[in-house]
C-alpha cells in the first residue's frame, strides 16, 4: 500500500498528462540505457528497503 499507491499515482500522472493516454514518455525511458539502469536501481532499492523494514 505505502509503495504501490505512490508509484501508481506517479505513473498515471506521467501517462495521462492532459487526460488522454500517452505512452511516448514510457518508450523514451525504456529506450535510454541510462534511464533503464536508474529505473532498475530505484525499483530494486525500494523493494529491498521495504523488505528490510518489514523484517526488522
Protein backbone atom coordinates (compact mmCIF):
# COMPACT_ATOMS: atom_id res chain seq x y z
CA UNK A 1 0.00 0.00 0.00
CA UNK A 2 2.67 2.53 1.01
CA UNK A 3 4.78 1.59 -2.00
CA UNK A 4 2.21 0.71 -4.65
CA UNK A 5 -0.15 3.70 -4.36
CA UNK A 6 2.51 6.42 -4.88
CA UNK A 7 4.00 4.50 -7.81
CA UNK A 8 0.60 4.08 -9.46
CA UNK A 9 -0.25 7.75 -8.91
CA UNK A 10 3.03 8.90 -10.47
CA UNK A 11 2.60 6.55 -13.44
CA UNK A 12 -0.93 7.79 -14.05
CA UNK A 13 0.20 11.41 -13.99
CA UNK A 14 3.00 10.63 -16.39
CA UNK A 15 0.89 8.58 -18.78
CA UNK A 16 -2.15 10.89 -18.73
CA UNK A 17 -0.70 14.41 -18.68
CA UNK A 18 -3.75 16.11 -20.22
CA UNK A 19 -6.41 13.48 -19.60
CA UNK A 20 -5.56 11.37 -22.65
CA UNK A 21 -3.34 8.30 -22.56
CA UNK A 22 0.18 8.97 -23.88
CA UNK A 23 2.76 6.18 -23.74
CA UNK A 24 5.51 8.01 -25.65
CA UNK A 25 7.30 9.04 -22.44
CA UNK A 26 7.43 5.41 -21.30
CA UNK A 27 9.02 4.44 -24.62
CA UNK A 28 11.65 7.16 -24.23
CA UNK A 29 12.56 5.93 -20.74
CA UNK A 30 12.81 2.29 -21.83
CA UNK A 31 14.87 3.19 -24.90
CA UNK A 32 17.56 5.05 -22.91
CA UNK A 33 20.10 2.68 -21.26
CA UNK A 34 20.93 5.18 -18.51
CA UNK A 35 17.27 5.62 -17.60
CA UNK A 36 16.75 1.85 -17.59
CA UNK A 37 19.65 1.48 -15.15
CA UNK A 38 18.28 4.23 -12.89
CA UNK A 39 14.77 2.75 -13.04
CA UNK A 40 16.03 -0.74 -12.18
CA UNK A 41 18.14 0.57 -9.27
CA UNK A 42 15.20 2.58 -7.93
CA UNK A 43 12.83 -0.38 -8.05
CA UNK A 44 15.41 -2.74 -6.54
CA UNK A 45 16.30 -0.34 -3.74
CA UNK A 46 12.67 0.36 -2.84
CA UNK A 47 11.81 -3.34 -2.71
CA UNK A 48 14.90 -4.15 -0.63
CA UNK A 49 14.16 -1.29 1.78
CA UNK A 50 10.54 -2.36 2.16
CA UNK A 51 11.50 -5.97 2.87
CA UNK A 52 14.15 -4.95 5.41
CA UNK A 53 11.75 -2.60 7.18
CA UNK A 54 9.06 -5.27 7.41
CA UNK A 55 11.51 -7.88 8.71
CA UNK A 56 13.20 -5.65 11.28
